[in-house]
Amino acid sequence: MTHGTARLSDAARQSFASKGYAVLARFYDPATDIAPIQEGIREIVALACRKYGVDAPTGTPTEAMSIAYPALIAKNRGWGGEIYDAVKQIPAFLRLVTQEVNSDVFRMLRPGSVPGIAAGGYGIRIDNPGEEKFRAQWHQEFPSQLRSVDGIVFWTPLLPVTADMGPVQIAEGSHAEGLVPVYEDDAGAGKTGAYALHLDRAEERLQRYDIVAPSSAPGDLILMDFLTLHQSGHNISRTPRWSIQFRYFNFAEPLGIRIGWKGSFAAGVKFADVLPELVARREDAA
């Protein structure tokens, strides 16, 4: 486990303040923080393969995540959902989410804050090649999470993320725009919940910013402001993109206090029922 007080370089602080994100190389220890999570995934995938009679290699976490898991969902996509729900309950994963260094980093970037962990806002994503239904298009984190405007996404990979695997895409500096209205549309792909949220006049807004897509390796941490526009990249490789996301928020932020730190879709609540002013008129959205 990563020990001690977290340290942030001046460059990382400045990047987060001006660009709405920062990349911290080897923030977590790959051997002590990440490897136990990878091993937990291997064990769960191996159990699923035995349960469903799928003959695929699971001797290493890489085999389990990049070969056995695709073999499972090739036979039955629903089995992938079973694994998706299971892996977020791995003890080593929850230990990573609750490490004190995460709170330390949050306080450094949000001086005077009272950090909280967004319930339902932590999990392990599995972005399969060519699968659009569960890909997160351009969005801000706040409408789908709520809790507090003053929040930070923690994003870290479980396998090395190369350009063809679709790294997270970030619109530099877009957090300065403030809250962007959203509307719901399944985009013709059967999307629901947070996946069906669309930014008001997204293309027009995105033209104002440089788009970056940082590659990363296990142990690296990407931090994003709750208001930074970002999306999951298109995975055109042959390997699922496995990554961890969790969200910290500031209990002391005024809007969070006003809404009682309510959650959104993951908490069974629609953002429109909590903050109707965030809803864009559909005929005006493009």
Foldseek 3Di string as FASTA:
>chain_A
DDDDADDDDPVQLVQCVQFQKGKFALQDPCVQQQQLLLVVLLVVLVVLCVVVVPDFDSPGSCRSQFPSLVSVVVVPVVVNVVSQVPSQPRPSNVCNQPDVNVVNVLCVNVPPFDKDWQVLQKGKDWAAAPQLQPWAAKDFQCQQWPLAQFKKKKKFFSAWFDVLQFAKKWFTRQLVVPAFAWAFDSVVNNHDRNSRIDTFQVVVSSVVGDMDGDTGGGSMIMMGRSSTIITGGRNNDSGITIMIMIMMGGCPHVVSVVQVSDTDVSNVHRSCVRCVVSHDDPVRGD
